[in-house]
């Protein structure tokens, strides 16, 4: 049973440029509230031998050092870095005879 359990545990070996989440212990003060205790994602910048990890926010250049035990790997989907733009042309106009006068209809 222990072997099955240990197979599902992911080791927390971080490398630079990994994406991680940080544990926020302050949200534990209010156990009745349904708040996420993990904030992020952050980018790993540097790993120190004392298990301290320097991380930076994805959209910011500020770095700060945290304990490696407060981090876990982020397994969410990567955001698309390329954006595709599709230009739509106007739909063709359709003339319908209603009585004797034509009525222009547009597809909506």
PDB file of N, CA and C in Angstrom:
ATOM      1  N   UNK A   1       0.826  -1.196   0.000  1.00  0.00           N
ATOM      2  CA  UNK A   1       0.000   0.000   0.000  1.00  0.00           C
ATOM      3  C   UNK A   1       0.867   1.255   0.000  1.00  0.00           C
ATOM      4  N   UNK A   2       1.970   1.208   0.745  1.00  0.00           N
ATOM      5  CA  UNK A   2       2.859   2.366   0.783  1.00  0.00           C
ATOM      6  C   UNK A   2       3.483   2.623  -0.586  1.00  0.00           C
ATOM      7  N   UNK A   3       3.795   1.575  -1.333  1.00  0.00           N
ATOM      8  CA  UNK A   3       4.394   1.749  -2.655  1.00  0.00           C
ATOM      9  C   UNK A   3       3.420   2.427  -3.612  1.00  0.00           C
ATOM     10  N   UNK A   4       2.140   2.092  -3.516  1.00  0.00           N
ATOM     11  CA  UNK A   4       1.129   2.722  -4.367  1.00  0.00           C
ATOM     12  C   UNK A   4       0.998   4.197  -4.020  1.00  0.00           C
ATOM     13  N   UNK A   5       1.017   4.499  -2.733  1.00  0.00           N
ATOM     14  CA  UNK A   5       0.918   5.888  -2.293  1.00  0.00           C
ATOM     15  C   UNK A   5       2.144   6.690  -2.726  1.00  0.00           C
ATOM     16  N   UNK A   6       3.328   6.129  -2.560  1.00  0.00           N
ATOM     17  CA  UNK A   6       4.557   6.839  -2.894  1.00  0.00           C
ATOM     18  C   UNK A   6       4.704   7.075  -4.393  1.00  0.00           C
ATOM     19  N   UNK A   7       4.091   6.247  -5.206  1.00  0.00           N
ATOM     20  CA  UNK A   7       4.158   6.417  -6.648  1.00  0.00           C
ATOM     21  C   UNK A   7       3.428   7.681  -7.097  1.00  0.00           C
ATOM     22  N   UNK A   8       2.401   8.107  -6.347  1.00  0.00           N
ATOM     23  CA  UNK A   8       1.612   9.269  -6.726  1.00  0.00           C
ATOM     24  C   UNK A   8       2.154  10.580  -6.172  1.00  0.00           C
ATOM     25  N   UNK A   9       3.193  10.523  -5.361  1.00  0.00           N
ATOM     26  CA  UNK A   9       3.761  11.736  -4.785  1.00  0.00           C
ATOM     27  C   UNK A   9       4.760  12.333  -5.770  1.00  0.00           C
ATOM     28  N   UNK A  10       4.601  13.612  -6.041  1.00  0.00           N
ATOM     29  CA  UNK A  10       5.514  14.315  -6.936  1.00  0.00           C
ATOM     30  C   UNK A  10       6.604  14.954  -6.089  1.00  0.00           C
ATOM     31  N   UNK A  11       7.856  14.681  -6.429  1.00  0.00           N
ATOM     32  CA  UNK A  11       8.959  15.280  -5.685  1.00  0.00           C
ATOM     33  C   UNK A  11       9.042  16.763  -6.008  1.00  0.00           C
ATOM     34  N   UNK A  12       9.446  17.531  -5.024  1.00  0.00           N
ATOM     35  CA  UNK A  12       9.535  18.972  -5.199  1.00  0.00           C
ATOM     36  C   UNK A  12      10.971  19.370  -5.514  1.00  0.00           C
ATOM     37  N   UNK A  13      11.444  18.951  -6.640  1.00  0.00           N
ATOM     38  CA  UNK A  13      12.759  19.350  -7.130  1.00  0.00           C
ATOM     39  C   UNK A  13      12.535  20.446  -8.157  1.00  0.00           C
ATOM     40  N   UNK A  14      12.870  21.669  -7.780  1.00  0.00           N
ATOM     41  CA  UNK A  14      12.622  22.805  -8.659  1.00  0.00           C
ATOM     42  C   UNK A  14      13.865  23.121  -9.469  1.00  0.00           C
ATOM     43  N   UNK A  15      13.648  23.611 -10.677  1.00  0.00           N
ATOM     44  CA  UNK A  15      14.711  24.059 -11.559  1.00  0.00           C
ATOM     45  C   UNK A  15      14.390  25.494 -11.963  1.00  0.00           C
ATOM     46  N   UNK A  16      15.399  26.267 -12.336  1.00  0.00           N
ATOM     47  CA  UNK A  16      15.110  27.622 -12.828  1.00  0.00           C
ATOM     48  C   UNK A  16      14.155  27.573 -14.015  1.00  0.00           C
ATOM     49  N   UNK A  17      13.299  28.555 -14.088  1.00  0.00           N
ATOM     50  CA  UNK A  17      12.254  28.715 -15.113  1.00  0.00           C
ATOM     51  C   UNK A  17      11.076  27.768 -14.918  1.00  0.00           C
ATOM     52  N   UNK A  18      11.007  27.024 -13.817  1.00  0.00           N
ATOM     53  CA  UNK A  18       9.809  26.243 -13.500  1.00  0.00           C
ATOM     54  C   UNK A  18       8.703  27.191 -13.051  1.00  0.00           C
ATOM     55  N   UNK A  19       7.466  26.777 -13.220  1.00  0.00           N
ATOM     56  CA  UNK A  19       6.329  27.555 -12.756  1.00  0.00           C
ATOM     57  C   UNK A  19       5.799  26.902 -11.491  1.00  0.00           C
ATOM     58  N   UNK A  20       5.626  27.704 -10.422  1.00  0.00           N
ATOM     59  CA  UNK A  20       5.253  27.170  -9.117  1.00  0.00           C
ATOM     60  C   UNK A  20       4.124  27.993  -8.509  1.00  0.00           C
ATOM     61  N   UNK A  21       3.470  27.416  -7.501  1.00  0.00           N
ATOM     62  CA  UNK A  21       2.485  28.109  -6.674  1.00  0.00           C
ATOM     63  C   UNK A  21       3.051  28.249  -5.271  1.00  0.00           C
ATOM     64  N   UNK A  22       2.690  29.341  -4.577  1.00  0.00           N
ATOM     65  CA  UNK A  22       3.180  29.576  -3.226  1.00  0.00           C
ATOM     66  C   UNK A  22       2.038  29.418  -2.241  1.00  0.00           C
ATOM     67  N   UNK A  23       2.320  28.737  -1.118  1.00  0.00           N
ATOM     68  CA  UNK A  23       1.333  28.531  -0.065  1.00  0.00           C
ATOM     69  C   UNK A  23       1.192  29.809   0.743  1.00  0.00           C
ATOM     70  N   UNK A  24      -0.046  30.231   0.995  1.00  0.00           N
ATOM     71  CA  UNK A  24      -0.320  31.429   1.776  1.00  0.00           C
ATOM     72  C   UNK A  24      -0.947  30.990   3.088  1.00  0.00           C
ATOM     73  N   UNK A  25      -0.162  31.018   4.163  1.00  0.00           N
ATOM     74  CA  UNK A  25      -0.636  30.509   5.452  1.00  0.00           C
ATOM     75  C   UNK A  25      -1.615  31.454   6.127  1.00  0.00           C
ATOM     76  N   UNK A  26      -1.678  32.706   5.729  1.00  0.00           N
ATOM     77  CA  UNK A  26      -2.581  33.660   6.383  1.00  0.00           C
ATOM     78  C   UNK A  26      -4.042  33.349   6.103  1.00  0.00           C
ATOM     79  N   UNK A  27      -4.326  32.713   4.997  1.00  0.00           N
ATOM     80  CA  UNK A  27      -5.711  32.384   4.680  1.00  0.00           C
ATOM     81  C   UNK A  27      -6.232  31.245   5.535  1.00  0.00           C
ATOM     82  N   UNK A  28      -5.367  30.602   6.294  1.00  0.00           N
ATOM     83  CA  UNK A  28      -5.787  29.507   7.150  1.00  0.00           C
ATOM     84  C   UNK A  28      -6.445  30.019   8.430  1.00  0.00           C
ATOM     85  N   UNK A  29      -6.322  31.306   8.723  1.00  0.00           N
ATOM     86  CA  UNK A  29      -6.903  31.871   9.936  1.00  0.00           C
ATOM     87  C   UNK A  29      -8.426  31.821   9.916  1.00  0.00           C
ATOM     88  N   UNK A  30      -9.005  31.811   8.738  1.00  0.00           N
ATOM     89  CA  UNK A  30     -10.452  31.811   8.596  1.00  0.00           C
ATOM     90  C   UNK A  30     -10.891  30.509   7.943  1.00  0.00           C
ATOM     91  N   UNK A  31     -11.002  29.427   8.708  1.00  0.00           N
ATOM     92  CA  UNK A  31     -11.287  28.131   8.085  1.00  0.00           C
ATOM     93  C   UNK A  31     -12.680  28.038   7.472  1.00  0.00           C
ATOM     94  N   UNK A  32     -13.612  28.900   7.878  1.00  0.00           N
ATOM     95  CA  UNK A  32     -14.954  28.838   7.323  1.00  0.00           C
ATOM     96  C   UNK A  32     -15.047  29.423   5.932  1.00  0.00           C
ATOM     97  N   UNK A  33     -14.066  30.227   5.557  1.00  0.00           N
ATOM     98  CA  UNK A  33     -14.085  30.870   4.249  1.00  0.00           C
ATOM     99  C   UNK A  33     -13.518  29.923   3.197  1.00  0.00           C
ATOM    100  N   UNK A  34     -14.113  29.934   2.033  1.00  0.00           N
ATOM    101  CA  UNK A  34     -13.608  29.112   0.937  1.00  0.00           C
ATOM    102  C   UNK A  34     -12.668  29.962   0.091  1.00  0.00           C
ATOM    103  N   UNK A  35     -11.442  30.073   0.534  1.00  0.00           N
ATOM    104  CA  UNK A  35     -10.440  30.830  -0.199  1.00  0.00           C
ATOM    105  C   UNK A  35      -9.309  29.895  -0.594  1.00  0.00           C
ATOM    106  N   UNK A  36      -8.691  30.206  -1.686  1.00  0.00           N
ATOM    107  CA  UNK A  36      -7.550  29.410  -2.112  1.00  0.00           C
ATOM    108  C   UNK A  36      -6.362  29.717  -1.216  1.00  0.00           C
ATOM    109  N   UNK A  37      -5.633  28.709  -0.832  1.00  0.00           N
ATOM    110  CA  UNK A  37      -4.455  28.908  -0.003  1.00  0.00           C
ATOM    111  C   UNK A  37      -3.192  28.988  -0.841  1.00  0.00           C
ATOM    112  N   UNK A  38      -3.324  28.825  -2.137  1.00  0.00           N
ATOM    113  CA  UNK A  38      -2.165  28.862  -3.017  1.00  0.00           C
ATOM    114  C   UNK A  38      -2.269  30.088  -3.906  1.00  0.00           C
ATOM    115  N   UNK A  39      -1.200  30.862  -3.978  1.00  0.00           N
ATOM    116  CA  UNK A  39      -1.196  32.042  -4.834  1.00  0.00           C
ATOM    117  C   UNK A  39      -0.143  31.851  -5.918  1.00  0.00           C
ATOM    118  N   UNK A  40      -0.350  32.502  -7.008  1.00  0.00           N
ATOM    119  CA  UNK A  40       0.612  32.372  -8.095  1.00  0.00           C
ATOM    120  C   UNK A  40      -0.080  32.315  -9.427  1.00  0.00           C
ATOM    121  N   UNK A  41       0.535  31.909 -10.454  1.00  0.00           N
ATOM    122  CA  UNK A  41       1.809  31.205 -10.563  1.00  0.00           C
ATOM    123  C   UNK A  41       3.001  32.156 -10.535  1.00  0.00           C
ATOM    124  N   UNK A  42       4.128  31.627 -10.073  1.00  0.00           N
ATOM    125  CA  UNK A  42       5.389  32.341 -10.024  1.00  0.00           C
ATOM    126  C   UNK A  42       6.413  31.576 -10.851  1.00  0.00           C
ATOM    127  N   UNK A  43       7.491  32.268 -11.200  1.00  0.00           N
ATOM    128  CA  UNK A  43       8.568  31.679 -11.984  1.00  0.00           C
ATOM    129  C   UNK A  43       9.794  31.540 -11.089  1.00  0.00           C
ATOM    130  N   UNK A  44      10.412  30.362 -11.074  1.00  0.00           N
ATOM    131  CA  UNK A  44      11.612  30.131 -10.266  1.00  0.00           C
ATOM    132  C   UNK A  44      12.790  30.807 -10.956  1.00  0.00           C
ATOM    133  N   UNK A  45      13.529  31.632 -10.184  1.00  0.00           N
ATOM    134  CA  UNK A  45      14.681  32.341 -10.730  1.00  0.00           C
ATOM    135  C   UNK A  45      15.976  31.659 -10.319  1.00  0.00           C
ATOM    136  N   UNK A  46      16.104  31.355  -9.014  1.00  0.00           N
ATOM    137  CA  UNK A  46      17.348  30.771  -8.517  1.00  0.00           C
ATOM    138  C   UNK A  46      17.045  29.867  -7.335  1.00  0.00           C
ATOM    139  N   UNK A  47      17.837  28.809  -7.180  1.00  0.00           N
ATOM    140  CA  UNK A  47      17.690  27.880  -6.059  1.00  0.00           C
ATOM    141  C   UNK A  47      18.968  27.942  -5.239  1.00  0.00           C
ATOM    142  N   UNK A  48      18.816  28.118  -3.925  1.00  0.00           N
ATOM    143  CA  UNK A  48      19.959  28.185  -3.022  1.00  0.00           C
ATOM    144  C   UNK A  48      20.145  26.835  -2.340  1.00  0.00           C
ATOM    145  N   UNK A  49      21.354  26.526  -1.854  1.00  0.00           N
ATOM    146  CA  UNK A  49      21.595  25.212  -1.236  1.00  0.00           C
ATOM    147  C   UNK A  49      20.840  24.996   0.071  1.00  0.00           C
ATOM    148  N   UNK A  50      20.345  26.056   0.694  1.00  0.00           N
ATOM    149  CA  UNK A  50      19.626  25.912   1.964  1.00  0.00           C
ATOM    150  C   UNK A  50      18.138  25.687   1.750  1.00  0.00           C
ATOM    151  N   UNK A  51      17.736  25.253   0.559  1.00  0.00           N
ATOM    152  CA  UNK A  51      16.342  24.998   0.193  1.00  0.00           C
ATOM    153  C   UNK A  51      15.524  26.280   0.099  1.00  0.00           C
ATOM    154  N   UNK A  52      16.199  27.410   0.003  1.00  0.00           N
ATOM    155  CA  UNK A  52      15.514  28.671  -0.270  1.00  0.00           C
ATOM    156  C   UNK A  52      15.443  28.843  -1.779  1.00  0.00           C
ATOM    157  N   UNK A  53      14.329  29.417  -2.233  1.00  0.00           N
ATOM    158  CA  UNK A  53      14.104  29.570  -3.669  1.00  0.00           C
ATOM    159  C   UNK A  53      13.738  31.017  -3.942  1.00  0.00           C
ATOM    160  N   UNK A  54      14.391  31.611  -4.928  1.00  0.00           N
ATOM    161  CA  UNK A  54      14.021  32.957  -5.355  1.00  0.00           C
ATOM    162  C   UNK A  54      13.005  32.821  -6.470  1.00  0.00           C
ATOM    163  N   UNK A  55      11.865  33.497  -6.300  1.00  0.00           N
ATOM    164  CA  UNK A  55      10.801  33.433  -7.297  1.00  0.00           C
ATOM    165  C   UNK A  55      10.432  34.845  -7.719  1.00  0.00           C
ATOM    166  N   UNK A  56       9.822  34.954  -8.871  1.00  0.00           N
ATOM    167  CA  UNK A  56       9.341  36.226  -9.392  1.00  0.00           C
ATOM    168  C   UNK A  56       7.973  35.986 -10.005  1.00  0.00           C
ATOM    169  N   UNK A  57       7.131  37.007  -9.927  1.00  0.00           N
ATOM    170  CA  UNK A  57       5.814  36.907 -10.549  1.00  0.00           C
ATOM    171  C   UNK A  57       5.985  36.859 -12.064  1.00  0.00           C
ATOM    172  N   UNK A  58       5.062  36.243 -12.744  1.00  0.00           N
ATOM    173  CA  UNK A  58       5.169  36.074 -14.190  1.00  0.00           C
ATOM    174  C   UNK A  58       5.188  37.412 -14.916  1.00  0.00           C
ATOM    175  N   UNK A  59       4.407  38.369 -14.425  1.00  0.00           N
ATOM    176  CA  UNK A  59       4.277  39.645 -15.117  1.00  0.00           C
ATOM    177  C   UNK A  59       5.085  40.758 -14.458  1.00  0.00           C
ATOM    178  N   UNK A  60       5.950  40.439 -13.498  1.00  0.00           N
ATOM    179  CA  UNK A  60       6.679  41.450 -12.749  1.00  0.00           C
ATOM    180  C   UNK A  60       8.142  41.038 -12.657  1.00  0.00           C
ATOM    181  N   UNK A  61       9.017  42.008 -12.486  1.00  0.00           N
ATOM    182  CA  UNK A  61      10.446  41.697 -12.394  1.00  0.00           C
ATOM    183  C   UNK A  61      10.932  41.621 -10.954  1.00  0.00           C
ATOM    184  N   UNK A  62      10.073  41.908  -9.978  1.00  0.00           N
ATOM    185  CA  UNK A  62      10.494  41.847  -8.577  1.00  0.00           C
ATOM    186  C   UNK A  62      10.683  40.398  -8.162  1.00  0.00           C
ATOM    187  N   UNK A  63      11.796  40.136  -7.471  1.00  0.00           N
ATOM    188  CA  UNK A  63      12.093  38.787  -7.003  1.00  0.00           C
ATOM    189  C   UNK A  63      12.062  38.776  -5.485  1.00  0.00           C
ATOM    190  N   UNK A  64      11.669  37.662  -4.903  1.00  0.00           N
ATOM    191  CA  UNK A  64      11.735  37.504  -3.456  1.00  0.00           C
ATOM    192  C   UNK A  64      12.062  36.063  -3.135  1.00  0.00           C
ATOM    193  N   UNK A  65      12.622  35.869  -1.947  1.00  0.00           N
ATOM    194  CA  UNK A  65      13.118  34.564  -1.530  1.00  0.00           C
ATOM    195  C   UNK A  65      12.120  33.933  -0.570  1.00  0.00           C
ATOM    196  N   UNK A  66      11.782  32.673  -0.812  1.00  0.00           N
ATOM    197  CA  UNK A  66      10.846  31.941   0.044  1.00  0.00           C
ATOM    198  C   UNK A  66      11.439  30.577   0.363  1.00  0.00           C
ATOM    199  N   UNK A  67      10.876  29.949   1.372  1.00  0.00           N
ATOM    200  CA  UNK A  67      11.263  28.594   1.735  1.00  0.00           C
ATOM    201  C   UNK A  67      10.732  27.640   0.669  1.00  0.00           C
ATOM    202  N   UNK A  68      11.545  26.683   0.261  1.00  0.00           N
ATOM    203  CA  UNK A  68      11.137  25.742  -0.775  1.00  0.00           C
ATOM    204  C   UNK A  68       9.992  24.844  -0.366  1.00  0.00           C
ATOM    205  N   UNK A  69       9.754  24.695   0.948  1.00  0.00           N
ATOM    206  CA  UNK A  69       8.654  23.861   1.421  1.00  0.00           C
ATOM    207  C   UNK A  69       7.302  24.528   1.195  1.00  0.00           C
ATOM    208  N   UNK A  70       7.297  25.824   0.934  1.00  0.00           N
ATOM    209  CA  UNK A  70       6.043  26.542   0.716  1.00  0.00           C
ATOM    210  C   UNK A  70       5.649  26.585  -0.747  1.00  0.00           C
ATOM    211  N   UNK A  71       6.364  25.876  -1.602  1.00  0.00           N
ATOM    212  CA  UNK A  71       6.094  25.892  -3.034  1.00  0.00           C
ATOM    213  C   UNK A  71       5.648  24.526  -3.520  1.00  0.00           C
ATOM    214  N   UNK A  72       4.874  24.530  -4.588  1.00  0.00           N
ATOM    215  CA  UNK A  72       4.548  23.288  -5.287  1.00  0.00           C
ATOM    216  C   UNK A  72       4.492  23.587  -6.774  1.00  0.00           C
ATOM    217  N   UNK A  73       4.692  22.562  -7.574  1.00  0.00           N
ATOM    218  CA  UNK A  73       4.701  22.729  -9.022  1.00  0.00           C
ATOM    219  C   UNK A  73       3.322  23.146  -9.506  1.00  0.00           C
ATOM    220  N   UNK A  74       3.300  24.034 -10.486  1.00  0.00           N
ATOM    221  CA  UNK A  74       2.061  24.470 -11.116  1.00  0.00           C
ATOM    222  C   UNK A  74       1.834  23.598 -12.338  1.00  0.00           C
ATOM    223  N   UNK A  75       0.724  22.879 -12.349  1.00  0.00           N
ATOM    224  CA  UNK A  75       0.451  21.955 -13.445  1.00  0.00           C
ATOM    225  C   UNK A  75      -0.660  22.463 -14.350  1.00  0.00           C
ATOM    226  N   UNK A  76      -0.989  23.735 -14.255  1.00  0.00           N
ATOM    227  CA  UNK A  76      -2.027  24.306 -15.102  1.00  0.00           C
ATOM    228  C   UNK A  76      -1.551  24.436 -16.533  1.00  0.00           C
ATOM    229  N   UNK A  77      -2.436  24.848 -17.389  1.00  0.00           N
ATOM    230  CA  UNK A  77      -2.087  24.987 -18.792  1.00  0.00           C
ATOM    231  C   UNK A  77      -1.269  26.246 -18.999  1.00  0.00           C
ATOM    232  N   UNK A  78      -0.397  26.178 -19.957  1.00  0.00           N
ATOM    233  CA  UNK A  78       0.404  27.345 -20.310  1.00  0.00           C
ATOM    234  C   UNK A  78      -0.475  28.319 -21.076  1.00  0.00           C
ATOM    235  N   UNK A  79      -0.265  29.595 -20.832  1.00  0.00           N
ATOM    236  CA  UNK A  79      -1.018  30.602 -21.560  1.00  0.00           C
ATOM    237  C   UNK A  79      -0.453  30.719 -22.967  1.00  0.00           C
ATOM    238  N   UNK A  80      -1.326  30.949 -23.900  1.00  0.00           N
ATOM    239  CA  UNK A  80      -0.879  31.092 -25.285  1.00  0.00           C
ATOM    240  C   UNK A  80      -0.106  32.395 -25.429  1.00  0.00           C
ATOM    241  N   UNK A  81       1.093  32.307 -25.986  1.00  0.00           N
ATOM    242  CA  UNK A  81       1.909  33.500 -26.160  1.00  0.00           C
ATOM    243  C   UNK A  81       1.668  34.136 -27.518  1.00  0.00           C
ATOM    244  N   UNK A  82       1.142  33.388 -28.453  1.00  0.00           N
ATOM    245  CA  UNK A  82       0.832  33.923 -29.766  1.00  0.00           C
ATOM    246  C   UNK A  82      -0.673  34.121 -29.864  1.00  0.00           C
ATOM    247  N   UNK A  83      -1.040  35.215 -30.456  1.00  0.00           N
ATOM    248  CA  UNK A  83      -2.454  35.532 -30.611  1.00  0.00           C
ATOM    249  C   UNK A  83      -2.759  35.549 -32.098  1.00  0.00           C
ATOM    250  N   UNK A  84      -3.776  34.843 -32.488  1.00  0.00           N
ATOM    251  CA  UNK A  84      -4.170  34.860 -33.893  1.00  0.00           C
ATOM    252  C   UNK A  84      -5.383  35.769 -34.053  1.00  0.00           C
ATOM    253  N   UNK A  85      -5.364  36.555 -35.102  1.00  0.00           N
ATOM    254  CA  UNK A  85      -6.440  37.501 -35.380  1.00  0.00           C
ATOM    255  C   UNK A  85      -7.117  37.066 -36.662  1.00  0.00           C
ATOM    256  N   UNK A  86      -8.423  36.947 -36.619  1.00  0.00           N
ATOM    257  CA  UNK A  86      -9.200  36.588 -37.796  1.00  0.00           C
ATOM    258  C   UNK A  86     -10.123  37.751 -38.130  1.00  0.00           C
ATOM    259  N   UNK A  87      -9.955  38.299 -39.312  1.00  0.00           N
ATOM    260  CA  UNK A  87     -10.799  39.400 -39.740  1.00  0.00           C
ATOM    261  C   UNK A  87     -12.009  38.825 -40.468  1.00  0.00           C
ATOM    262  N   UNK A  88     -13.166  39.271 -40.089  1.00  0.00           N
ATOM    263  CA  UNK A  88     -14.400  38.815 -40.718  1.00  0.00           C
ATOM    264  C   UNK A  88     -14.869  39.869 -41.709  1.00  0.00           C
ATOM    265  N   UNK A  89     -15.295  39.411 -42.858  1.00  0.00           N
ATOM    266  CA  UNK A  89     -15.833  40.354 -43.830  1.00  0.00           C
ATOM    267  C   UNK A  89     -17.323  40.487 -43.592  1.00  0.00           C
ATOM    268  N   UNK A  90     -17.875  41.537 -44.113  1.00  0.00           N
ATOM    269  CA  UNK A  90     -19.309  41.757 -43.952  1.00  0.00           C
ATOM    270  C   UNK A  90     -20.065  40.669 -44.714  1.00  0.00           C
ATOM    271  N   UNK A  91     -21.131  40.140 -44.145  1.00  0.00           N
ATOM    272  CA  UNK A  91     -21.903  39.122 -44.861  1.00  0.00           C
ATOM    273  C   UNK A  91     -22.603  39.731 -46.072  1.00  0.00           C
ATOM    274  N   UNK A  92     -22.866  38.926 -47.082  1.00  0.00           N
ATOM    275  CA  UNK A  92     -23.526  39.477 -48.278  1.00  0.00           C
ATOM    276  C   UNK A  92     -24.945  39.936 -47.964  1.00  0.00           C
ATOM    277  N   UNK A  93     -25.348  40.990 -48.633  1.00  0.00           N
ATOM    278  CA  UNK A  93     -26.703  41.502 -48.433  1.00  0.00           C
ATOM    279  C   UNK A  93     -27.663  40.735 -49.333  1.00  0.00           C
ATOM    280  N   UNK A  94     -28.834  40.502 -48.806  1.00  0.00           N
ATOM    281  CA  UNK A  94     -29.832  39.725 -49.525  1.00  0.00           C
ATOM    282  C   UNK A  94     -31.038  40.619 -49.765  1.00  0.00           C
ATOM    283  N   UNK A  95     -31.420  40.742 -51.002  1.00  0.00           N
ATOM    284  CA  UNK A  95     -32.596  41.539 -51.345  1.00  0.00           C
ATOM    285  C   UNK A  95     -33.799  40.620 -51.464  1.00  0.00           C
ATOM    286  N   UNK A  96     -34.823  40.935 -50.749  1.00  0.00           N
ATOM    287  CA  UNK A  96     -36.052  40.155 -50.794  1.00  0.00           C
ATOM    288  C   UNK A  96     -37.169  41.092 -51.246  1.00  0.00           C
ATOM    289  N   UNK A  97     -37.912  40.641 -52.222  1.00  0.00           N
ATOM    290  CA  UNK A  97     -39.038  41.447 -52.681  1.00  0.00           C
ATOM    291  C   UNK A  97     -40.216  41.222 -51.765  1.00  0.00           C
ATOM    292  N   UNK A  98     -40.654  42.286 -51.131  1.00  0.00           N
ATOM    293  CA  UNK A  98     -41.830  42.222 -50.273  1.00  0.00           C
ATOM    294  C   UNK A  98     -42.854  43.151 -50.906  1.00  0.00           C
ATOM    295  N   UNK A  99     -43.795  42.570 -51.578  1.00  0.00           N
ATOM    296  CA  UNK A  99     -44.720  43.391 -52.362  1.00  0.00           C
ATOM    297  C   UNK A  99     -43.980  43.861 -53.597  1.00  0.00           C
ATOM    298  N   UNK A 100     -43.754  45.171 -53.731  1.00  0.00           N
ATOM    299  CA  UNK A 100     -43.052  45.700 -54.892  1.00  0.00           C
ATOM    300  C   UNK A 100     -41.718  46.346 -54.505  1.00  0.00           C
ATOM    301  N   UNK A 101     -41.460  46.567 -53.191  1.00  0.00           N
ATOM    302  CA  UNK A 101     -40.232  47.243 -52.792  1.00  0.00           C
ATOM    303  C   UNK A 101     -39.231  46.227 -52.227  1.00  0.00           C
ATOM    304  N   UNK A 102     -37.965  46.300 -52.629  1.00  0.00           N
ATOM    305  CA  UNK A 102     -36.969  45.384 -52.079  1.00  0.00           C
ATOM    306  C   UNK A 102     -36.603  45.766 -50.644  1.00  0.00           C
ATOM    307  N   UNK A 103     -36.394  44.776 -49.792  1.00  0.00           N
ATOM    308  CA  UNK A 103     -35.986  44.977 -48.398  1.00  0.00           C
ATOM    309  C   UNK A 103     -34.604  44.342 -48.241  1.00  0.00           C
ATOM    310  N   UNK A 104     -33.646  45.106 -47.742  1.00  0.00           N
ATOM    311  CA  UNK A 104     -32.299  44.577 -47.537  1.00  0.00           C
ATOM    312  C   UNK A 104     -32.234  43.900 -46.179  1.00  0.00           C
ATOM    313  N   UNK A 105     -31.792  42.659 -46.166  1.00  0.00           N
ATOM    314  CA  UNK A 105     -31.644  41.908 -44.928  1.00  0.00           C
ATOM    315  C   UNK A 105     -30.171  41.601 -44.708  1.00  0.00           C
ATOM    316  N   UNK A 106     -29.735  41.696 -43.476  1.00  0.00           N
ATOM    317  CA  UNK A 106     -28.378  41.306 -43.109  1.00  0.00           C
ATOM    318  C   UNK A 106     -28.449  40.119 -42.184  1.00  0.00           C
ATOM    319  N   UNK A 107     -27.513  39.205 -42.346  1.00  0.00           N
ATOM    320  CA  UNK A 107     -27.429  38.079 -41.421  1.00  0.00           C
ATOM    321  C   UNK A 107     -26.830  38.582 -40.121  1.00  0.00           C
ATOM    322  N   UNK A 108     -27.385  38.168 -39.019  1.00  0.00           N
ATOM    323  CA  UNK A 108     -26.847  38.620 -37.736  1.00  0.00           C
ATOM    324  C   UNK A 108     -26.364  37.457 -36.932  1.00  0.00           C
TER     325      UNK A 108
END
